[in-house]
Amino acid sequence: MTFKARFAQNLKSARKQAGLTQEEVAARASLGRDTVWKHEAEVHVPILDVLVRLAGAVAVQPAELLDGITYRPSFIGLGEGRYEVDGPPSNQAQTSGE
């Protein structure tokens, strides 16, 4: 699973748990509906400002939308680090029936 995929799962799960549509999240976050869709469709990952707005819109802490995502820096030469993604989101079991 990729960083984008995990973030998308976390956002979609939090949105559904809040009982909101993409349009409602967008309105609450003062964003366009297409912005919410792009994050859930793994097209984009948000900048910090958008992350905070999305979290507020679905009534979770920003860290919850990053649940299971870790960055591991490279300590060998100048190579880039990598994102590591843990198992399913912590609230996956609660929303898997939807």
PDB file of N, CA and C in Angstrom:
ATOM      1  N   MET A   1       0.850  -1.170   0.000  1.00  0.00           N
ATOM      2  CA  MET A   1       0.000   0.000   0.000  1.00  0.00           C
ATOM      3  C   MET A   1       0.900   1.239   0.000  1.00  0.00           C
ATOM      4  N   THR A   2       0.474   2.261  -0.688  1.00  0.00           N
ATOM      5  CA  THR A   2       1.255   3.492  -0.784  1.00  0.00           C
ATOM      6  C   THR A   2       0.781   4.527   0.225  1.00  0.00           C
ATOM      7  N   PHE A   3       1.574   5.570   0.379  1.00  0.00           N
ATOM      8  CA  PHE A   3       1.213   6.705   1.226  1.00  0.00           C
ATOM      9  C   PHE A   3      -0.135   7.270   0.789  1.00  0.00           C
ATOM     10  N   LYS A   4      -0.293   7.503  -0.515  1.00  0.00           N
ATOM     11  CA  LYS A   4      -1.548   8.069  -1.021  1.00  0.00           C
ATOM     12  C   LYS A   4      -2.730   7.155  -0.733  1.00  0.00           C
ATOM     13  N   ALA A   5      -2.526   5.855  -0.923  1.00  0.00           N
ATOM     14  CA  ALA A   5      -3.616   4.901  -0.695  1.00  0.00           C
ATOM     15  C   ALA A   5      -4.032   4.877   0.769  1.00  0.00           C
ATOM     16  N   ARG A   6      -3.059   4.899   1.668  1.00  0.00           N
ATOM     17  CA  ARG A   6      -3.381   4.854   3.095  1.00  0.00           C
ATOM     18  C   ARG A   6      -4.090   6.135   3.523  1.00  0.00           C
ATOM     19  N   PHE A   7      -3.590   7.291   3.051  1.00  0.00           N
ATOM     20  CA  PHE A   7      -4.248   8.543   3.392  1.00  0.00           C
ATOM     21  C   PHE A   7      -5.677   8.534   2.865  1.00  0.00           C
ATOM     22  N   ALA A   8      -5.868   8.078   1.628  1.00  0.00           N
ATOM     23  CA  ALA A   8      -7.201   8.025   1.028  1.00  0.00           C
ATOM     24  C   ALA A   8      -8.134   7.152   1.863  1.00  0.00           C
ATOM     25  N   GLN A   9      -7.654   5.996   2.305  1.00  0.00           N
ATOM     26  CA  GLN A   9      -8.468   5.110   3.144  1.00  0.00           C
ATOM     27  C   GLN A   9      -8.839   5.782   4.458  1.00  0.00           C
ATOM     28  N   ASN A  10      -7.850   6.429   5.072  1.00  0.00           N
ATOM     29  CA  ASN A  10      -8.099   7.091   6.352  1.00  0.00           C
ATOM     30  C   ASN A  10      -9.146   8.204   6.207  1.00  0.00           C
ATOM     31  N   LEU A  11      -9.012   9.014   5.154  1.00  0.00           N
ATOM     32  CA  LEU A  11      -9.949  10.108   4.933  1.00  0.00           C
ATOM     33  C   LEU A  11     -11.354   9.586   4.647  1.00  0.00           C
ATOM     34  N   LYS A  12     -11.444   8.638   3.754  1.00  0.00           N
ATOM     35  CA  LYS A  12     -12.761   8.100   3.384  1.00  0.00           C
ATOM     36  C   LYS A  12     -13.441   7.443   4.588  1.00  0.00           C
ATOM     37  N   SER A  13     -12.662   6.708   5.359  1.00  0.00           N
ATOM     38  CA  SER A  13     -13.206   6.053   6.544  1.00  0.00           C
ATOM     39  C   SER A  13     -13.705   7.087   7.559  1.00  0.00           C
ATOM     40  N   ALA A  14     -12.918   8.129   7.796  1.00  0.00           N
ATOM     41  CA  ALA A  14     -13.321   9.177   8.740  1.00  0.00           C
ATOM     42  C   ALA A  14     -14.558   9.916   8.231  1.00  0.00           C
ATOM     43  N   ARG A  15     -14.614  10.162   6.925  1.00  0.00           N
ATOM     44  CA  ARG A  15     -15.775  10.842   6.339  1.00  0.00           C
ATOM     45  C   ARG A  15     -17.041  10.008   6.514  1.00  0.00           C
ATOM     46  N   LYS A  16     -16.938   8.723   6.228  1.00  0.00           N
ATOM     47  CA  LYS A  16     -18.114   7.851   6.354  1.00  0.00           C
ATOM     48  C   LYS A  16     -18.531   7.706   7.815  1.00  0.00           C
ATOM     49  N   GLN A  17     -17.539   7.625   8.698  1.00  0.00           N
ATOM     50  CA  GLN A  17     -17.854   7.521  10.117  1.00  0.00           C
ATOM     51  C   GLN A  17     -18.586   8.774  10.600  1.00  0.00           C
ATOM     52  N   ALA A  18     -18.253   9.919  10.013  1.00  0.00           N
ATOM     53  CA  ALA A  18     -18.928  11.169  10.364  1.00  0.00           C
ATOM     54  C   ALA A  18     -20.274  11.303   9.664  1.00  0.00           C
ATOM     55  N   GLY A  19     -20.570  10.386   8.738  1.00  0.00           N
ATOM     56  CA  GLY A  19     -21.845  10.418   8.031  1.00  0.00           C
ATOM     57  C   GLY A  19     -21.950  11.551   7.022  1.00  0.00           C
ATOM     58  N   LEU A  20     -20.822  11.902   6.410  1.00  0.00           N
ATOM     59  CA  LEU A  20     -20.777  13.041   5.491  1.00  0.00           C
ATOM     60  C   LEU A  20     -20.498  12.608   4.056  1.00  0.00           C
ATOM     61  N   THR A  21     -20.995  13.393   3.120  1.00  0.00           N
ATOM     62  CA  THR A  21     -20.661  13.196   1.715  1.00  0.00           C
ATOM     63  C   THR A  21     -19.393  13.990   1.407  1.00  0.00           C
ATOM     64  N   GLN A  22     -18.811  13.738   0.250  1.00  0.00           N
ATOM     65  CA  GLN A  22     -17.653  14.518  -0.174  1.00  0.00           C
ATOM     66  C   GLN A  22     -18.012  16.000  -0.274  1.00  0.00           C
ATOM     67  N   GLU A  23     -19.199  16.284  -0.758  1.00  0.00           N
ATOM     68  CA  GLU A  23     -19.648  17.667  -0.891  1.00  0.00           C
ATOM     69  C   GLU A  23     -19.738  18.353   0.473  1.00  0.00           C
ATOM     70  N   GLU A  24     -20.252  17.634   1.462  1.00  0.00           N
ATOM     71  CA  GLU A  24     -20.366  18.199   2.803  1.00  0.00           C
ATOM     72  C   GLU A  24     -18.995  18.447   3.426  1.00  0.00           C
ATOM     73  N   VAL A  25     -18.070  17.514   3.225  1.00  0.00           N
ATOM     74  CA  VAL A  25     -16.703  17.701   3.731  1.00  0.00           C
ATOM     75  C   VAL A  25     -16.076  18.909   3.058  1.00  0.00           C
ATOM     76  N   ALA A  26     -16.237  19.004   1.758  1.00  0.00           N
ATOM     77  CA  ALA A  26     -15.669  20.133   1.014  1.00  0.00           C
ATOM     78  C   ALA A  26     -16.210  21.460   1.537  1.00  0.00           C
ATOM     79  N   ALA A  27     -17.508  21.536   1.759  1.00  0.00           N
ATOM     80  CA  ALA A  27     -18.111  22.771   2.259  1.00  0.00           C
ATOM     81  C   ALA A  27     -17.589  23.110   3.653  1.00  0.00           C
ATOM     82  N   ARG A  28     -17.519  22.116   4.525  1.00  0.00           N
ATOM     83  CA  ARG A  28     -17.033  22.347   5.887  1.00  0.00           C
ATOM     84  C   ARG A  28     -15.565  22.775   5.903  1.00  0.00           C
ATOM     85  N   ALA A  29     -14.788  22.274   4.936  1.00  0.00           N
ATOM     86  CA  ALA A  29     -13.357  22.575   4.877  1.00  0.00           C
ATOM     87  C   ALA A  29     -13.047  23.777   3.983  1.00  0.00           C
ATOM     88  N   SER A  30     -14.071  24.382   3.410  1.00  0.00           N
ATOM     89  CA  SER A  30     -13.895  25.496   2.456  1.00  0.00           C
ATOM     90  C   SER A  30     -12.986  25.084   1.298  1.00  0.00           C
ATOM     91  N   LEU A  31     -13.290  23.916   0.752  1.00  0.00           N
ATOM     92  CA  LEU A  31     -12.546  23.371  -0.391  1.00  0.00           C
ATOM     93  C   LEU A  31     -13.538  23.003  -1.488  1.00  0.00           C
ATOM     94  N   GLY A  32     -13.036  22.793  -2.682  1.00  0.00           N
ATOM     95  CA  GLY A  32     -13.886  22.313  -3.760  1.00  0.00           C
ATOM     96  C   GLY A  32     -14.140  20.823  -3.602  1.00  0.00           C
ATOM     97  N   ARG A  33     -15.301  20.348  -4.045  1.00  0.00           N
ATOM     98  CA  ARG A  33     -15.625  18.925  -3.957  1.00  0.00           C
ATOM     99  C   ARG A  33     -14.581  18.086  -4.663  1.00  0.00           C
ATOM    100  N   ASP A  34     -14.070  18.589  -5.786  1.00  0.00           N
ATOM    101  CA  ASP A  34     -13.075  17.825  -6.535  1.00  0.00           C
ATOM    102  C   ASP A  34     -11.789  17.630  -5.725  1.00  0.00           C
ATOM    103  N   THR A  35     -11.503  18.551  -4.809  1.00  0.00           N
ATOM    104  CA  THR A  35     -10.319  18.404  -3.969  1.00  0.00           C
ATOM    105  C   THR A  35     -10.477  17.204  -3.042  1.00  0.00           C
ATOM    106  N   VAL A  36     -11.632  17.084  -2.422  1.00  0.00           N
ATOM    107  CA  VAL A  36     -11.883  15.933  -1.548  1.00  0.00           C
ATOM    108  C   VAL A  36     -11.834  14.655  -2.366  1.00  0.00           C
ATOM    109  N   TRP A  37     -12.471  14.650  -3.516  1.00  0.00           N
ATOM    110  CA  TRP A  37     -12.462  13.464  -4.384  1.00  0.00           C
ATOM    111  C   TRP A  37     -11.033  13.074  -4.745  1.00  0.00           C
ATOM    112  N   LYS A  38     -10.198  14.029  -5.122  1.00  0.00           N
ATOM    113  CA  LYS A  38      -8.817  13.729  -5.518  1.00  0.00           C
ATOM    114  C   LYS A  38      -8.017  13.099  -4.387  1.00  0.00           C
ATOM    115  N   HIS A  39      -8.279  13.519  -3.156  1.00  0.00           N
ATOM    116  CA  HIS A  39      -7.576  12.915  -2.020  1.00  0.00           C
ATOM    117  C   HIS A  39      -8.081  11.497  -1.761  1.00  0.00           C
ATOM    118  N   GLU A  40      -9.360  11.267  -1.903  1.00  0.00           N
ATOM    119  CA  GLU A  40      -9.909   9.920  -1.701  1.00  0.00           C
ATOM    120  C   GLU A  40      -9.597   8.988  -2.863  1.00  0.00           C
ATOM    121  N   ALA A  41      -9.345   9.546  -4.036  1.00  0.00           N
ATOM    122  CA  ALA A  41      -9.046   8.737  -5.223  1.00  0.00           C
ATOM    123  C   ALA A  41      -7.541   8.512  -5.411  1.00  0.00           C
ATOM    124  N   GLU A  42      -6.757   8.913  -4.432  1.00  0.00           N
ATOM    125  CA  GLU A  42      -5.307   8.723  -4.458  1.00  0.00           C
ATOM    126  C   GLU A  42      -4.614   9.534  -5.541  1.00  0.00           C
ATOM    127  N   VAL A  43      -5.229  10.633  -5.962  1.00  0.00           N
ATOM    128  CA  VAL A  43      -4.623  11.499  -6.972  1.00  0.00           C
ATOM    129  C   VAL A  43      -3.652  12.470  -6.312  1.00  0.00           C
ATOM    130  N   HIS A  44      -4.038  12.988  -5.153  1.00  0.00           N
ATOM    131  CA  HIS A  44      -3.216  13.962  -4.435  1.00  0.00           C
ATOM    132  C   HIS A  44      -3.096  13.585  -2.974  1.00  0.00           C
ATOM    133  N   VAL A  45      -2.049  14.092  -2.343  1.00  0.00           N
ATOM    134  CA  VAL A  45      -1.965  14.105  -0.881  1.00  0.00           C
ATOM    135  C   VAL A  45      -1.985  15.573  -0.485  1.00  0.00           C
ATOM    136  N   PRO A  46      -2.600  15.895   0.636  1.00  0.00           N
ATOM    137  CA  PRO A  46      -2.790  17.302   0.963  1.00  0.00           C
ATOM    138  C   PRO A  46      -1.558  17.988   1.541  1.00  0.00           C
ATOM    139  N   ILE A  47      -1.508  19.294   1.351  1.00  0.00           N
ATOM    140  CA  ILE A  47      -0.538  20.102   2.057  1.00  0.00           C
ATOM    141  C   ILE A  47      -1.063  20.265   3.481  1.00  0.00           C
ATOM    142  N   LEU A  48      -0.232  20.758   4.369  1.00  0.00           N
ATOM    143  CA  LEU A  48      -0.596  20.826   5.781  1.00  0.00           C
ATOM    144  C   LEU A  48      -1.896  21.588   6.024  1.00  0.00           C
ATOM    145  N   ASP A  49      -2.073  22.720   5.384  1.00  0.00           N
ATOM    146  CA  ASP A  49      -3.288  23.517   5.561  1.00  0.00           C
ATOM    147  C   ASP A  49      -4.535  22.707   5.207  1.00  0.00           C
ATOM    148  N   VAL A  50      -4.488  22.007   4.105  1.00  0.00           N
ATOM    149  CA  VAL A  50      -5.636  21.209   3.655  1.00  0.00           C
ATOM    150  C   VAL A  50      -5.846  20.017   4.582  1.00  0.00           C
ATOM    151  N   LEU A  51      -4.766  19.398   5.041  1.00  0.00           N
ATOM    152  CA  LEU A  51      -4.871  18.285   5.987  1.00  0.00           C
ATOM    153  C   LEU A  51      -5.633  18.716   7.243  1.00  0.00           C
ATOM    154  N   VAL A  52      -5.276  19.869   7.789  1.00  0.00           N
ATOM    155  CA  VAL A  52      -5.931  20.366   8.993  1.00  0.00           C
ATOM    156  C   VAL A  52      -7.399  20.668   8.717  1.00  0.00           C
ATOM    157  N   ARG A  53      -7.710  21.254   7.571  1.00  0.00           N
ATOM    158  CA  ARG A  53      -9.108  21.551   7.223  1.00  0.00           C
ATOM    159  C   ARG A  53      -9.926  20.279   7.061  1.00  0.00           C
ATOM    160  N   LEU A  54      -9.360  19.289   6.367  1.00  0.00           N
ATOM    161  CA  LEU A  54     -10.074  18.025   6.168  1.00  0.00           C
ATOM    162  C   LEU A  54     -10.347  17.342   7.508  1.00  0.00           C
ATOM    163  N   ALA A  55      -9.339  17.329   8.374  1.00  0.00           N
ATOM    164  CA  ALA A  55      -9.519  16.712   9.691  1.00  0.00           C
ATOM    165  C   ALA A  55     -10.621  17.423  10.460  1.00  0.00           C
ATOM    166  N   GLY A  56     -10.611  18.745  10.456  1.00  0.00           N
ATOM    167  CA  GLY A  56     -11.652  19.495  11.142  1.00  0.00           C
ATOM    168  C   GLY A  56     -13.024  19.221  10.567  1.00  0.00           C
ATOM    169  N   ALA A  57     -13.093  19.084   9.258  1.00  0.00           N
ATOM    170  CA  ALA A  57     -14.377  18.848   8.591  1.00  0.00           C
ATOM    171  C   ALA A  57     -14.998  17.513   8.986  1.00  0.00           C
ATOM    172  N   VAL A  58     -14.159  16.505   9.240  1.00  0.00           N
ATOM    173  CA  VAL A  58     -14.679  15.184   9.616  1.00  0.00           C
ATOM    174  C   VAL A  58     -14.542  14.933  11.121  1.00  0.00           C
ATOM    175  N   ALA A  59     -14.188  15.987  11.862  1.00  0.00           N
ATOM    176  CA  ALA A  59     -14.125  15.963  13.332  1.00  0.00           C
ATOM    177  C   ALA A  59     -13.144  14.935  13.899  1.00  0.00           C
ATOM    178  N   VAL A  60     -11.946  14.891  13.324  1.00  0.00           N
ATOM    179  CA  VAL A  60     -10.874  14.061  13.875  1.00  0.00           C
ATOM    180  C   VAL A  60      -9.619  14.918  14.002  1.00  0.00           C
ATOM    181  N   GLN A  61      -8.652  14.429  14.740  1.00  0.00           N
ATOM    182  CA  GLN A  61      -7.364  15.098  14.820  1.00  0.00           C
ATOM    183  C   GLN A  61      -6.600  14.834  13.524  1.00  0.00           C
ATOM    184  N   PRO A  62      -5.805  15.785  13.033  1.00  0.00           N
ATOM    185  CA  PRO A  62      -5.044  15.568  11.796  1.00  0.00           C
ATOM    186  C   PRO A  62      -4.219  14.283  11.820  1.00  0.00           C
ATOM    187  N   ALA A  63      -3.685  13.929  12.976  1.00  0.00           N
ATOM    188  CA  ALA A  63      -2.872  12.707  13.081  1.00  0.00           C
ATOM    189  C   ALA A  63      -3.661  11.456  12.705  1.00  0.00           C
ATOM    190  N   GLU A  64      -4.973  11.479  12.931  1.00  0.00           N
ATOM    191  CA  GLU A  64      -5.788  10.310  12.589  1.00  0.00           C
ATOM    192  C   GLU A  64      -5.825  10.071  11.084  1.00  0.00           C
ATOM    193  N   LEU A  65      -5.725  11.139  10.305  1.00  0.00           N
ATOM    194  CA  LEU A  65      -5.707  10.963   8.845  1.00  0.00           C
ATOM    195  C   LEU A  65      -4.356  10.450   8.365  1.00  0.00           C
ATOM    196  N   LEU A  66      -3.354  10.515   9.230  1.00  0.00           N
ATOM    197  CA  LEU A  66      -2.023  10.009   8.897  1.00  0.00           C
ATOM    198  C   LEU A  66      -1.731   8.686   9.598  1.00  0.00           C
ATOM    199  N   ASP A  67      -2.731   8.118  10.231  1.00  0.00           N
ATOM    200  CA  ASP A  67      -2.567   6.866  10.967  1.00  0.00           C
ATOM    201  C   ASP A  67      -1.940   5.788  10.088  1.00  0.00           C
ATOM    202  N   GLY A  68      -0.884   5.171  10.599  1.00  0.00           N
ATOM    203  CA  GLY A  68      -0.247   4.072   9.885  1.00  0.00           C
ATOM    204  C   GLY A  68       0.775   4.486   8.854  1.00  0.00           C
ATOM    205  N   ILE A  69       1.060   5.767   8.736  1.00  0.00           N
ATOM    206  CA  ILE A  69       2.027   6.257   7.739  1.00  0.00           C
ATOM    207  C   ILE A  69       3.270   6.742   8.473  1.00  0.00           C
ATOM    208  N   THR A  70       4.421   6.216   8.093  1.00  0.00           N
ATOM    209  CA  THR A  70       5.689   6.589   8.716  1.00  0.00           C
ATOM    210  C   THR A  70       6.704   6.861   7.622  1.00  0.00           C
ATOM    211  N   TYR A  71       7.567   7.839   7.844  1.00  0.00           N
ATOM    212  CA  TYR A  71       8.648   8.127   6.909  1.00  0.00           C
ATOM    213  C   TYR A  71       9.952   7.664   7.540  1.00  0.00           C
ATOM    214  N   ARG A  72      10.708   6.880   6.810  1.00  0.00           N
ATOM    215  CA  ARG A  72      12.001   6.390   7.271  1.00  0.00           C
ATOM    216  C   ARG A  72      13.090   7.028   6.418  1.00  0.00           C
ATOM    217  N   PRO A  73      13.906   7.913   7.018  1.00  0.00           N
ATOM    218  CA  PRO A  73      14.970   8.553   6.247  1.00  0.00           C
ATOM    219  C   PRO A  73      16.079   7.569   5.904  1.00  0.00           C
ATOM    220  N   SER A  74      16.760   7.868   4.835  1.00  0.00           N
ATOM    221  CA  SER A  74      17.908   7.066   4.443  1.00  0.00           C
ATOM    222  C   SER A  74      19.130   7.603   5.161  1.00  0.00           C
ATOM    223  N   PHE A  75      19.885   6.726   5.748  1.00  0.00           N
ATOM    224  CA  PHE A  75      21.106   7.134   6.428  1.00  0.00           C
ATOM    225  C   PHE A  75      22.337   6.721   5.643  1.00  0.00           C
ATOM    226  N   ILE A  76      22.134   6.228   4.438  1.00  0.00           N
ATOM    227  CA  ILE A  76      23.241   5.806   3.599  1.00  0.00           C
ATOM    228  C   ILE A  76      23.372   6.807   2.464  1.00  0.00           C
ATOM    229  N   GLY A  77      24.465   7.528   2.411  1.00  0.00           N
ATOM    230  CA  GLY A  77      24.680   8.500   1.352  1.00  0.00           C
ATOM    231  C   GLY A  77      23.587   9.550   1.339  1.00  0.00           C
ATOM    232  N   LEU A  78      23.242   9.988   0.156  1.00  0.00           N
ATOM    233  CA  LEU A  78      22.221  11.013  -0.008  1.00  0.00           C
ATOM    234  C   LEU A  78      20.919  10.442  -0.549  1.00  0.00           C
ATOM    235  N   GLY A  79      20.775   9.126  -0.465  1.00  0.00           N
ATOM    236  CA  GLY A  79      19.561   8.503  -0.977  1.00  0.00           C
ATOM    237  C   GLY A  79      18.321   8.989  -0.265  1.00  0.00           C
ATOM    238  N   GLU A  80      17.217   8.934  -0.949  1.00  0.00           N
ATOM    239  CA  GLU A  80      15.953   9.354  -0.355  1.00  0.00           C
ATOM    240  C   GLU A  80      15.429   8.292   0.589  1.00  0.00           C
ATOM    241  N   GLY A  81      14.699   8.743   1.574  1.00  0.00           N
ATOM    242  CA  GLY A  81      14.041   7.829   2.492  1.00  0.00           C
ATOM    243  C   GLY A  81      12.817   7.235   1.826  1.00  0.00           C
ATOM    244  N   ARG A  82      11.991   6.581   2.621  1.00  0.00           N
ATOM    245  CA  ARG A  82      10.790   5.955   2.065  1.00  0.00           C
ATOM    246  C   ARG A  82       9.656   6.025   3.069  1.00  0.00           C
ATOM    247  N   TYR A  83       8.451   6.002   2.551  1.00  0.00           N
ATOM    248  CA  TYR A  83       7.275   5.933   3.400  1.00  0.00           C
ATOM    249  C   TYR A  83       6.985   4.479   3.672  1.00  0.00           C
ATOM    250  N   GLU A  84       6.593   4.182   4.894  1.00  0.00           N
ATOM    251  CA  GLU A  84       6.160   2.842   5.250  1.00  0.00           C
ATOM    252  C   GLU A  84       4.722   2.936   5.725  1.00  0.00           C
ATOM    253  N   VAL A  85       3.931   1.986   5.317  1.00  0.00           N
ATOM    254  CA  VAL A  85       2.522   1.991   5.668  1.00  0.00           C
ATOM    255  C   VAL A  85       2.208   0.717   6.430  1.00  0.00           C
ATOM    256  N   ASP A  86       1.619   0.878   7.622  1.00  0.00           N
ATOM    257  CA  ASP A  86       1.222  -0.255   8.449  1.00  0.00           C
ATOM    258  C   ASP A  86      -0.026  -0.896   7.865  1.00  0.00           C
ATOM    259  N   GLY A  87      -0.537  -1.894   8.563  1.00  0.00           N
ATOM    260  CA  GLY A  87      -1.746  -2.609   8.149  1.00  0.00           C
ATOM    261  C   GLY A  87      -2.940  -1.704   7.922  1.00  0.00           C
ATOM    262  N   PRO A  88      -4.141  -2.262   7.961  1.00  0.00           N
ATOM    263  CA  PRO A  88      -5.350  -1.479   7.676  1.00  0.00           C
ATOM    264  C   PRO A  88      -5.540  -0.367   8.701  1.00  0.00           C
ATOM    265  N   PRO A  89      -6.255   0.687   8.323  1.00  0.00           N
ATOM    266  CA  PRO A  89      -6.529   1.777   9.264  1.00  0.00           C
ATOM    267  C   PRO A  89      -7.158   1.247  10.537  1.00  0.00           C
ATOM    268  N   SER A  90      -6.896   1.907  11.658  1.00  0.00           N
ATOM    269  CA  SER A  90      -7.397   1.441  12.952  1.00  0.00           C
ATOM    270  C   SER A  90      -8.901   1.380  13.015  1.00  0.00           C
ATOM    271  N   ASN A  91      -9.608   2.205  12.222  1.00  0.00           N
ATOM    272  CA  ASN A  91     -11.076   2.174  12.264  1.00  0.00           C
ATOM    273  C   ASN A  91     -11.660   1.437  11.059  1.00  0.00           C
ATOM    274  N   GLN A  92     -10.819   0.691  10.327  1.00  0.00           N
ATOM    275  CA  GLN A  92     -11.267  -0.061   9.156  1.00  0.00           C
ATOM    276  C   GLN A  92     -12.371  -1.047   9.521  1.00  0.00           C
ATOM    277  N   ALA A  93     -12.217  -1.742  10.639  1.00  0.00           N
ATOM    278  CA  ALA A  93     -13.195  -2.758  11.021  1.00  0.00           C
ATOM    279  C   ALA A  93     -14.567  -2.144  11.271  1.00  0.00           C
ATOM    280  N   GLN A  94     -14.586  -0.906  11.737  1.00  0.00           N
ATOM    281  CA  GLN A  94     -15.853  -0.259  12.041  1.00  0.00           C
ATOM    282  C   GLN A  94     -16.614   0.147  10.789  1.00  0.00           C
ATOM    283  N   THR A  95     -15.886   0.377   9.679  1.00  0.00           N
ATOM    284  CA  THR A  95     -16.552   0.887   8.483  1.00  0.00           C
ATOM    285  C   THR A  95     -16.505  -0.096   7.319  1.00  0.00           C
ATOM    286  N   SER A  96     -15.964  -1.297   7.530  1.00  0.00           N
ATOM    287  CA  SER A  96     -15.791  -2.219   6.406  1.00  0.00           C
ATOM    288  C   SER A  96     -17.114  -2.714   5.828  1.00  0.00           C
ATOM    289  N   GLY A  97     -18.204  -2.628   6.558  1.00  0.00           N
ATOM    290  CA  GLY A  97     -19.478  -3.090   6.056  1.00  0.00           C
ATOM    291  C   GLY A  97     -20.186  -2.100   5.170  1.00  0.00           C
ATOM    292  N   GLU A  98     -19.594  -0.938   4.928  1.00  0.00           N
ATOM    293  CA  GLU A  98     -20.274   0.083   4.119  1.00  0.00           C
ATOM    294  C   GLU A  98     -19.932  -0.047   2.668  1.00  0.00           C
TER     295      GLU A  98
END
